[in-house]
Amino acid sequence: MSIIIKPIITEKMTAQVENQRYGFIVDKKADKLQIRKEVEELYGVKVDAVNTIRYAGKRKSRYTKAGFVEGRTNAYKKAIVTLKDGQSIDFYSNI
C-alpha cells in the first residue's frame, strides 16, 4: 500500500515550489521517516525535511430542495516536504 495518496496542486502550494517545498496528502498512520523514504523512491530526489499536519473531519450542513442535509468531511493528513537545494519534482509531466 502506498503511503502517498496524492500531491497537493493548489495555488498556495505552487507558490512554495520556489522554496523547494511540495505538499502531499498521505496515509493517516504514516510517520515522517516513511514519508521521506516514499518521496525519495517515487521521485528520485533528496528530502531535507518533512512537516506533517493532521486535519480532523468537519461537520457540514446545508438546506436543499430535498430538505436539510447533514454530513461530514473526511479527516486526512498532509505532509509538506522540503527538498535539498537543486532538487525539484515535476507533477505535470504525466498529464
PDB file of N, CA and C in Angstrom:
ATOM      1  N   MET A   1       0.838  -1.185   0.000  1.00  0.00           N
ATOM      2  CA  MET A   1       0.000   0.000   0.000  1.00  0.00           C
ATOM      3  C   MET A   1       0.879   1.243   0.000  1.00  0.00           C
ATOM      4  N   SER A   2       0.557   2.189  -0.837  1.00  0.00           N
ATOM      5  CA  SER A   2       1.348   3.406  -0.951  1.00  0.00           C
ATOM      6  C   SER A   2       1.019   4.361   0.189  1.00  0.00           C
ATOM      7  N   ILE A   3       2.026   5.020   0.684  1.00  0.00           N
ATOM      8  CA  ILE A   3       1.858   5.990   1.761  1.00  0.00           C
ATOM      9  C   ILE A   3       1.337   7.311   1.206  1.00  0.00           C
ATOM     10  N   ILE A   4       1.842   7.714   0.050  1.00  0.00           N
ATOM     11  CA  ILE A   4       1.411   8.971  -0.569  1.00  0.00           C
ATOM     12  C   ILE A   4       0.131   8.714  -1.346  1.00  0.00           C
ATOM     13  N   ILE A   5      -0.921   9.454  -1.012  1.00  0.00           N
ATOM     14  CA  ILE A   5      -2.208   9.287  -1.679  1.00  0.00           C
ATOM     15  C   ILE A   5      -2.260  10.149  -2.936  1.00  0.00           C
ATOM     16  N   LYS A   6      -1.940  11.452  -2.798  1.00  0.00           N
ATOM     17  CA  LYS A   6      -1.916  12.335  -3.964  1.00  0.00           C
ATOM     18  C   LYS A   6      -1.147  13.600  -3.626  1.00  0.00           C
ATOM     19  N   PRO A   7      -0.576  14.259  -4.643  1.00  0.00           N
ATOM     20  CA  PRO A   7       0.080  15.539  -4.394  1.00  0.00           C
ATOM     21  C   PRO A   7      -0.960  16.653  -4.281  1.00  0.00           C
ATOM     22  N   ILE A   8      -0.596  17.709  -3.580  1.00  0.00           N
ATOM     23  CA  ILE A   8      -1.471  18.874  -3.451  1.00  0.00           C
ATOM     24  C   ILE A   8      -1.042  19.886  -4.510  1.00  0.00           C
ATOM     25  N   ILE A   9      -1.948  20.168  -5.436  1.00  0.00           N
ATOM     26  CA  ILE A   9      -1.652  21.111  -6.506  1.00  0.00           C
ATOM     27  C   ILE A   9      -2.639  22.266  -6.388  1.00  0.00           C
ATOM     28  N   THR A  10      -2.328  23.209  -5.521  1.00  0.00           N
ATOM     29  CA  THR A  10      -3.145  24.398  -5.336  1.00  0.00           C
ATOM     30  C   THR A  10      -2.285  25.619  -5.608  1.00  0.00           C
ATOM     31  N   GLU A  11      -2.918  26.765  -5.679  1.00  0.00           N
ATOM     32  CA  GLU A  11      -2.185  27.997  -5.932  1.00  0.00           C
ATOM     33  C   GLU A  11      -1.195  28.284  -4.805  1.00  0.00           C
ATOM     34  N   LYS A  12      -1.607  28.036  -3.583  1.00  0.00           N
ATOM     35  CA  LYS A  12      -0.752  28.292  -2.431  1.00  0.00           C
ATOM     36  C   LYS A  12       0.463  27.362  -2.404  1.00  0.00           C
ATOM     37  N   MET A  13       0.251  26.087  -2.702  1.00  0.00           N
ATOM     38  CA  MET A  13       1.372  25.148  -2.707  1.00  0.00           C
ATOM     39  C   MET A  13       2.279  25.348  -3.918  1.00  0.00           C
ATOM     40  N   THR A  14       1.714  25.770  -5.034  1.00  0.00           N
ATOM     41  CA  THR A  14       2.525  26.031  -6.216  1.00  0.00           C
ATOM     42  C   THR A  14       3.463  27.208  -5.969  1.00  0.00           C
ATOM     43  N   ALA A  15       3.059  28.162  -5.155  1.00  0.00           N
ATOM     44  CA  ALA A  15       3.925  29.289  -4.808  1.00  0.00           C
ATOM     45  C   ALA A  15       5.102  28.848  -3.947  1.00  0.00           C
ATOM     46  N   GLN A  16       4.967  27.738  -3.233  1.00  0.00           N
ATOM     47  CA  GLN A  16       6.039  27.238  -2.372  1.00  0.00           C
ATOM     48  C   GLN A  16       7.117  26.468  -3.145  1.00  0.00           C
ATOM     49  N   VAL A  17       6.880  26.194  -4.429  1.00  0.00           N
ATOM     50  CA  VAL A  17       7.833  25.426  -5.234  1.00  0.00           C
ATOM     51  C   VAL A  17       9.170  26.158  -5.330  1.00  0.00           C
ATOM     52  N   GLU A  18       9.158  27.469  -5.344  1.00  0.00           N
ATOM     53  CA  GLU A  18      10.419  28.212  -5.425  1.00  0.00           C
ATOM     54  C   GLU A  18      11.267  28.035  -4.170  1.00  0.00           C
ATOM     55  N   ASN A  19      10.680  27.594  -3.070  1.00  0.00           N
ATOM     56  CA  ASN A  19      11.413  27.292  -1.841  1.00  0.00           C
ATOM     57  C   ASN A  19      11.684  25.798  -1.699  1.00  0.00           C
ATOM     58  N   GLN A  20      11.540  25.037  -2.769  1.00  0.00           N
ATOM     59  CA  GLN A  20      11.693  23.580  -2.796  1.00  0.00           C
ATOM     60  C   GLN A  20      10.769  22.890  -1.795  1.00  0.00           C
ATOM     61  N   ARG A  21       9.530  23.377  -1.644  1.00  0.00           N
ATOM     62  CA  ARG A  21       8.552  22.758  -0.740  1.00  0.00           C
ATOM     63  C   ARG A  21       7.382  22.227  -1.562  1.00  0.00           C
ATOM     64  N   TYR A  22       6.988  20.975  -1.285  1.00  0.00           N
ATOM     65  CA  TYR A  22       5.912  20.311  -2.002  1.00  0.00           C
ATOM     66  C   TYR A  22       4.958  19.684  -0.992  1.00  0.00           C
ATOM     67  N   GLY A  23       3.677  19.666  -1.322  1.00  0.00           N
ATOM     68  CA  GLY A  23       2.663  19.129  -0.414  1.00  0.00           C
ATOM     69  C   GLY A  23       2.067  17.839  -0.934  1.00  0.00           C
ATOM     70  N   PHE A  24       1.745  16.942  -0.012  1.00  0.00           N
ATOM     71  CA  PHE A  24       1.146  15.657  -0.342  1.00  0.00           C
ATOM     72  C   PHE A  24       0.072  15.317   0.685  1.00  0.00           C
ATOM     73  N   ILE A  25      -1.007  14.683   0.218  1.00  0.00           N
ATOM     74  CA  ILE A  25      -1.957  14.037   1.124  1.00  0.00           C
ATOM     75  C   ILE A  25      -1.398  12.638   1.351  1.00  0.00           C
ATOM     76  N   VAL A  26      -1.227  12.256   2.616  1.00  0.00           N
ATOM     77  CA  VAL A  26      -0.595  10.983   2.941  1.00  0.00           C
ATOM     78  C   VAL A  26      -1.506  10.147   3.834  1.00  0.00           C
ATOM     79  N   ASP A  27      -1.137   8.887   4.006  1.00  0.00           N
ATOM     80  CA  ASP A  27      -1.866   7.985   4.892  1.00  0.00           C
ATOM     81  C   ASP A  27      -1.812   8.521   6.318  1.00  0.00           C
ATOM     82  N   LYS A  28      -2.939   8.427   7.028  1.00  0.00           N
ATOM     83  CA  LYS A  28      -3.023   8.987   8.382  1.00  0.00           C
ATOM     84  C   LYS A  28      -2.072   8.313   9.367  1.00  0.00           C
ATOM     85  N   LYS A  29      -1.689   7.080   9.113  1.00  0.00           N
ATOM     86  CA  LYS A  29      -0.828   6.345  10.033  1.00  0.00           C
ATOM     87  C   LYS A  29       0.658   6.470   9.696  1.00  0.00           C
ATOM     88  N   ALA A  30       1.001   7.151   8.607  1.00  0.00           N
ATOM     89  CA  ALA A  30       2.393   7.253   8.172  1.00  0.00           C
ATOM     90  C   ALA A  30       3.156   8.240   9.055  1.00  0.00           C
ATOM     91  N   ASP A  31       4.420   7.901   9.341  1.00  0.00           N
ATOM     92  CA  ASP A  31       5.260   8.837  10.078  1.00  0.00           C
ATOM     93  C   ASP A  31       6.221   9.540   9.123  1.00  0.00           C
ATOM     94  N   LYS A  32       7.002  10.477   9.662  1.00  0.00           N
ATOM     95  CA  LYS A  32       7.856  11.318   8.829  1.00  0.00           C
ATOM     96  C   LYS A  32       8.933  10.513   8.107  1.00  0.00           C
ATOM     97  N   LEU A  33       9.483   9.503   8.743  1.00  0.00           N
ATOM     98  CA  LEU A  33      10.519   8.699   8.103  1.00  0.00           C
ATOM     99  C   LEU A  33       9.967   7.901   6.923  1.00  0.00           C
ATOM    100  N   GLN A  34       8.754   7.370   7.066  1.00  0.00           N
ATOM    101  CA  GLN A  34       8.132   6.633   5.969  1.00  0.00           C
ATOM    102  C   GLN A  34       7.815   7.560   4.804  1.00  0.00           C
ATOM    103  N   ILE A  35       7.353   8.772   5.105  1.00  0.00           N
ATOM    104  CA  ILE A  35       7.036   9.745   4.056  1.00  0.00           C
ATOM    105  C   ILE A  35       8.303  10.137   3.316  1.00  0.00           C
ATOM    106  N   ARG A  36       9.391  10.389   4.052  1.00  0.00           N
ATOM    107  CA  ARG A  36      10.668  10.754   3.441  1.00  0.00           C
ATOM    108  C   ARG A  36      11.146   9.661   2.487  1.00  0.00           C
ATOM    109  N   LYS A  37      11.091   8.413   2.930  1.00  0.00           N
ATOM    110  CA  LYS A  37      11.547   7.285   2.120  1.00  0.00           C
ATOM    111  C   LYS A  37      10.709   7.127   0.853  1.00  0.00           C
ATOM    112  N   GLU A  38       9.391   7.266   0.992  1.00  0.00           N
ATOM    113  CA  GLU A  38       8.483   7.113  -0.152  1.00  0.00           C
ATOM    114  C   GLU A  38       8.715   8.197  -1.210  1.00  0.00           C
ATOM    115  N   VAL A  39       8.887   9.453  -0.773  1.00  0.00           N
ATOM    116  CA  VAL A  39       9.115  10.551  -1.728  1.00  0.00           C
ATOM    117  C   VAL A  39      10.446  10.359  -2.440  1.00  0.00           C
ATOM    118  N   GLU A  40      11.477   9.969  -1.705  1.00  0.00           N
ATOM    119  CA  GLU A  40      12.786   9.757  -2.335  1.00  0.00           C
ATOM    120  C   GLU A  40      12.748   8.625  -3.359  1.00  0.00           C
ATOM    121  N   GLU A  41      11.990   7.556  -3.079  1.00  0.00           N
ATOM    122  CA  GLU A  41      11.896   6.439  -4.022  1.00  0.00           C
ATOM    123  C   GLU A  41      11.049   6.789  -5.242  1.00  0.00           C
ATOM    124  N   LEU A  42       9.906   7.454  -5.022  1.00  0.00           N
ATOM    125  CA  LEU A  42       8.996   7.762  -6.133  1.00  0.00           C
ATOM    126  C   LEU A  42       9.563   8.784  -7.105  1.00  0.00           C
ATOM    127  N   TYR A  43      10.166   9.844  -6.570  1.00  0.00           N
ATOM    128  CA  TYR A  43      10.571  10.965  -7.408  1.00  0.00           C
ATOM    129  C   TYR A  43      12.075  11.069  -7.620  1.00  0.00           C
ATOM    130  N   GLY A  44      12.868  10.258  -6.956  1.00  0.00           N
ATOM    131  CA  GLY A  44      14.318  10.270  -7.154  1.00  0.00           C
ATOM    132  C   GLY A  44      14.967  11.563  -6.703  1.00  0.00           C
ATOM    133  N   VAL A  45      14.551  12.095  -5.571  1.00  0.00           N
ATOM    134  CA  VAL A  45      15.099  13.339  -5.035  1.00  0.00           C
ATOM    135  C   VAL A  45      15.594  13.099  -3.610  1.00  0.00           C
ATOM    136  N   LYS A  46      16.335  14.057  -3.071  1.00  0.00           N
ATOM    137  CA  LYS A  46      16.799  14.001  -1.686  1.00  0.00           C
ATOM    138  C   LYS A  46      15.950  14.944  -0.846  1.00  0.00           C
ATOM    139  N   VAL A  47      15.369  14.426   0.220  1.00  0.00           N
ATOM    140  CA  VAL A  47      14.485  15.197   1.091  1.00  0.00           C
ATOM    141  C   VAL A  47      15.300  15.796   2.237  1.00  0.00           C
ATOM    142  N   ASP A  48      15.079  17.089   2.488  1.00  0.00           N
ATOM    143  CA  ASP A  48      15.763  17.777   3.578  1.00  0.00           C
ATOM    144  C   ASP A  48      14.944  17.715   4.862  1.00  0.00           C
ATOM    145  N   ALA A  49      13.624  17.974   4.786  1.00  0.00           N
ATOM    146  CA  ALA A  49      12.774  17.984   5.972  1.00  0.00           C
ATOM    147  C   ALA A  49      11.353  17.592   5.599  1.00  0.00           C
ATOM    148  N   VAL A  50      10.625  17.057   6.587  1.00  0.00           N
ATOM    149  CA  VAL A  50       9.221  16.697   6.414  1.00  0.00           C
ATOM    150  C   VAL A  50       8.432  17.283   7.580  1.00  0.00           C
ATOM    151  N   ASN A  51       7.387  18.047   7.271  1.00  0.00           N
ATOM    152  CA  ASN A  51       6.469  18.571   8.277  1.00  0.00           C
ATOM    153  C   ASN A  51       5.100  17.972   8.003  1.00  0.00           C
ATOM    154  N   THR A  52       4.404  17.547   9.067  1.00  0.00           N
ATOM    155  CA  THR A  52       3.094  16.938   8.895  1.00  0.00           C
ATOM    156  C   THR A  52       2.026  17.712   9.645  1.00  0.00           C
ATOM    157  N   ILE A  53       0.819  17.684   9.106  1.00  0.00           N
ATOM    158  CA  ILE A  53      -0.335  18.352   9.694  1.00  0.00           C
ATOM    159  C   ILE A  53      -1.507  17.384   9.611  1.00  0.00           C
ATOM    160  N   ARG A  54      -2.223  17.213  10.725  1.00  0.00           N
ATOM    161  CA  ARG A  54      -3.408  16.354  10.745  1.00  0.00           C
ATOM    162  C   ARG A  54      -4.644  17.231  10.765  1.00  0.00           C
ATOM    163  N   TYR A  55      -5.575  16.968   9.849  1.00  0.00           N
ATOM    164  CA  TYR A  55      -6.831  17.698   9.775  1.00  0.00           C
ATOM    165  C   TYR A  55      -7.969  16.781  10.195  1.00  0.00           C
ATOM    166  N   ALA A  56      -8.796  17.243  11.112  1.00  0.00           N
ATOM    167  CA  ALA A  56      -9.965  16.472  11.543  1.00  0.00           C
ATOM    168  C   ALA A  56     -11.108  16.721  10.564  1.00  0.00           C
ATOM    169  N   GLY A  57     -12.004  15.765  10.443  1.00  0.00           N
ATOM    170  CA  GLY A  57     -13.182  15.949   9.609  1.00  0.00           C
ATOM    171  C   GLY A  57     -14.115  16.969  10.243  1.00  0.00           C
ATOM    172  N   LYS A  58     -14.779  17.748   9.419  1.00  0.00           N
ATOM    173  CA  LYS A  58     -15.681  18.783   9.922  1.00  0.00           C
ATOM    174  C   LYS A  58     -17.122  18.446   9.578  1.00  0.00           C
ATOM    175  N   ARG A  59     -18.039  18.876  10.424  1.00  0.00           N
ATOM    176  CA  ARG A  59     -19.463  18.686  10.157  1.00  0.00           C
ATOM    177  C   ARG A  59     -19.928  19.769   9.205  1.00  0.00           C
ATOM    178  N   LYS A  60     -20.670  19.378   8.206  1.00  0.00           N
ATOM    179  CA  LYS A  60     -21.213  20.306   7.212  1.00  0.00           C
ATOM    180  C   LYS A  60     -22.718  20.106   7.138  1.00  0.00           C
ATOM    181  N   SER A  61     -23.443  21.193   6.914  1.00  0.00           N
ATOM    182  CA  SER A  61     -24.887  21.084   6.735  1.00  0.00           C
ATOM    183  C   SER A  61     -25.321  22.129   5.725  1.00  0.00           C
ATOM    184  N   ARG A  62     -26.389  21.823   5.021  1.00  0.00           N
ATOM    185  CA  ARG A  62     -26.944  22.757   4.041  1.00  0.00           C
ATOM    186  C   ARG A  62     -28.410  22.448   3.836  1.00  0.00           C
ATOM    187  N   TYR A  63     -29.102  23.416   3.343  1.00  0.00           N
ATOM    188  CA  TYR A  63     -30.521  23.269   3.073  1.00  0.00           C
ATOM    189  C   TYR A  63     -30.722  23.145   1.574  1.00  0.00           C
ATOM    190  N   THR A  64     -31.381  22.089   1.130  1.00  0.00           N
ATOM    191  CA  THR A  64     -31.630  21.846  -0.286  1.00  0.00           C
ATOM    192  C   THR A  64     -33.129  21.665  -0.515  1.00  0.00           C
ATOM    193  N   LYS A  65     -33.489  21.401  -1.772  1.00  0.00           N
ATOM    194  CA  LYS A  65     -34.891  21.122  -2.101  1.00  0.00           C
ATOM    195  C   LYS A  65     -35.401  19.893  -1.354  1.00  0.00           C
ATOM    196  N   ALA A  66     -34.517  18.930  -1.181  1.00  0.00           N
ATOM    197  CA  ALA A  66     -34.893  17.695  -0.501  1.00  0.00           C
ATOM    198  C   ALA A  66     -34.971  17.874   1.013  1.00  0.00           C
ATOM    199  N   GLY A  67     -34.569  19.017   1.504  1.00  0.00           N
ATOM    200  CA  GLY A  67     -34.616  19.258   2.943  1.00  0.00           C
ATOM    201  C   GLY A  67     -33.236  19.541   3.503  1.00  0.00           C
ATOM    202  N   PHE A  68     -33.115  19.428   4.785  1.00  0.00           N
ATOM    203  CA  PHE A  68     -31.869  19.715   5.488  1.00  0.00           C
ATOM    204  C   PHE A  68     -30.939  18.510   5.376  1.00  0.00           C
ATOM    205  N   VAL A  69     -29.729  18.712   4.855  1.00  0.00           N
ATOM    206  CA  VAL A  69     -28.767  17.636   4.640  1.00  0.00           C
ATOM    207  C   VAL A  69     -27.565  17.866   5.546  1.00  0.00           C
ATOM    208  N   GLU A  70     -27.220  16.845   6.309  1.00  0.00           N
ATOM    209  CA  GLU A  70     -26.039  16.926   7.162  1.00  0.00           C
ATOM    210  C   GLU A  70     -25.022  15.895   6.704  1.00  0.00           C
ATOM    211  N   GLY A  71     -23.752  16.219   6.886  1.00  0.00           N
ATOM    212  CA  GLY A  71     -22.697  15.290   6.518  1.00  0.00           C
ATOM    213  C   GLY A  71     -21.412  15.629   7.227  1.00  0.00           C
ATOM    214  N   ARG A  72     -20.353  14.971   6.806  1.00  0.00           N
ATOM    215  CA  ARG A  72     -19.058  15.166   7.436  1.00  0.00           C
ATOM    216  C   ARG A  72     -17.978  15.059   6.370  1.00  0.00           C
ATOM    217  N   THR A  73     -16.971  15.944   6.427  1.00  0.00           N
ATOM    218  CA  THR A  73     -15.841  15.845   5.510  1.00  0.00           C
ATOM    219  C   THR A  73     -14.842  14.838   6.073  1.00  0.00           C
ATOM    220  N   ASN A  74     -14.005  14.315   5.227  1.00  0.00           N
ATOM    221  CA  ASN A  74     -13.037  13.305   5.638  1.00  0.00           C
ATOM    222  C   ASN A  74     -11.894  13.917   6.436  1.00  0.00           C
ATOM    223  N   ALA A  75     -11.373  13.175   7.388  1.00  0.00           N
ATOM    224  CA  ALA A  75     -10.152  13.548   8.088  1.00  0.00           C
ATOM    225  C   ALA A  75      -8.979  13.087   7.217  1.00  0.00           C
ATOM    226  N   TYR A  76      -7.885  13.863   7.207  1.00  0.00           N
ATOM    227  CA  TYR A  76      -6.724  13.495   6.408  1.00  0.00           C
ATOM    228  C   TYR A  76      -5.456  14.056   7.024  1.00  0.00           C
ATOM    229  N   LYS A  77      -4.330  13.602   6.500  1.00  0.00           N
ATOM    230  CA  LYS A  77      -3.027  14.057   6.951  1.00  0.00           C
ATOM    231  C   LYS A  77      -2.283  14.641   5.763  1.00  0.00           C
ATOM    232  N   LYS A  78      -1.675  15.800   5.979  1.00  0.00           N
ATOM    233  CA  LYS A  78      -0.953  16.492   4.921  1.00  0.00           C
ATOM    234  C   LYS A  78       0.523  16.545   5.300  1.00  0.00           C
ATOM    235  N   ALA A  79       1.394  16.338   4.329  1.00  0.00           N
ATOM    236  CA  ALA A  79       2.837  16.406   4.560  1.00  0.00           C
ATOM    237  C   ALA A  79       3.428  17.478   3.651  1.00  0.00           C
ATOM    238  N   ILE A  80       4.218  18.370   4.233  1.00  0.00           N
ATOM    239  CA  ILE A  80       4.960  19.375   3.475  1.00  0.00           C
ATOM    240  C   ILE A  80       6.413  18.906   3.446  1.00  0.00           C
ATOM    241  N   VAL A  81       6.917  18.616   2.255  1.00  0.00           N
ATOM    242  CA  VAL A  81       8.254  18.059   2.084  1.00  0.00           C
ATOM    243  C   VAL A  81       9.171  19.137   1.526  1.00  0.00           C
ATOM    244  N   THR A  82      10.282  19.389   2.210  1.00  0.00           N
ATOM    245  CA  THR A  82      11.288  20.338   1.743  1.00  0.00           C
ATOM    246  C   THR A  82      12.436  19.543   1.143  1.00  0.00           C
ATOM    247  N   LEU A  83      12.797  19.872  -0.101  1.00  0.00           N
ATOM    248  CA  LEU A  83      13.877  19.170  -0.789  1.00  0.00           C
ATOM    249  C   LEU A  83      15.195  19.912  -0.603  1.00  0.00           C
ATOM    250  N   LYS A  84      16.296  19.201  -0.828  1.00  0.00           N
ATOM    251  CA  LYS A  84      17.613  19.825  -0.768  1.00  0.00           C
ATOM    252  C   LYS A  84      17.779  20.759  -1.957  1.00  0.00           C
ATOM    253  N   ASP A  85      18.730  21.686  -1.867  1.00  0.00           N
ATOM    254  CA  ASP A  85      18.962  22.671  -2.929  1.00  0.00           C
ATOM    255  C   ASP A  85      19.266  21.991  -4.258  1.00  0.00           C
ATOM    256  N   GLY A  86      18.684  22.523  -5.316  1.00  0.00           N
ATOM    257  CA  GLY A  86      18.900  21.991  -6.652  1.00  0.00           C
ATOM    258  C   GLY A  86      17.964  20.863  -7.037  1.00  0.00           C
ATOM    259  N   GLN A  87      17.130  20.388  -6.144  1.00  0.00           N
ATOM    260  CA  GLN A  87      16.194  19.302  -6.420  1.00  0.00           C
ATOM    261  C   GLN A  87      14.820  19.878  -6.773  1.00  0.00           C
ATOM    262  N   SER A  88      14.064  19.163  -7.585  1.00  0.00           N
ATOM    263  CA  SER A  88      12.700  19.579  -7.905  1.00  0.00           C
ATOM    264  C   SER A  88      11.876  18.369  -8.337  1.00  0.00           C
ATOM    265  N   ILE A  89      10.554  18.521  -8.227  1.00  0.00           N
ATOM    266  CA  ILE A  89       9.618  17.486  -8.633  1.00  0.00           C
ATOM    267  C   ILE A  89       8.691  18.101  -9.670  1.00  0.00           C
ATOM    268  N   ASP A  90       8.435  17.370 -10.763  1.00  0.00           N
ATOM    269  CA  ASP A  90       7.549  17.845 -11.822  1.00  0.00           C
ATOM    270  C   ASP A  90       6.278  17.000 -11.782  1.00  0.00           C
ATOM    271  N   PHE A  91       5.198  17.544 -11.208  1.00  0.00           N
ATOM    272  CA  PHE A  91       3.926  16.828 -11.128  1.00  0.00           C
ATOM    273  C   PHE A  91       3.211  16.780 -12.470  1.00  0.00           C
ATOM    274  N   TYR A  92       3.502  17.697 -13.369  1.00  0.00           N
ATOM    275  CA  TYR A  92       2.751  17.842 -14.615  1.00  0.00           C
ATOM    276  C   TYR A  92       3.325  17.031 -15.769  1.00  0.00           C
ATOM    277  N   SER A  93       4.377  16.251 -15.549  1.00  0.00           N
ATOM    278  CA  SER A  93       4.993  15.513 -16.648  1.00  0.00           C
ATOM    279  C   SER A  93       4.135  14.365 -17.149  1.00  0.00           C
ATOM    280  N   ASN A  94       3.256  13.811 -16.291  1.00  0.00           N
ATOM    281  CA  ASN A  94       2.427  12.670 -16.689  1.00  0.00           C
ATOM    282  C   ASN A  94       1.077  13.068 -17.266  1.00  0.00           C
ATOM    283  N   ILE A  95       0.795  14.342 -17.334  1.00  0.00           N
ATOM    284  CA  ILE A  95      -0.520  14.795 -17.815  1.00  0.00           C
ATOM    285  C   ILE A  95      -0.506  14.924 -19.319  1.00  0.00           C
TER     286      ILE A  95
END
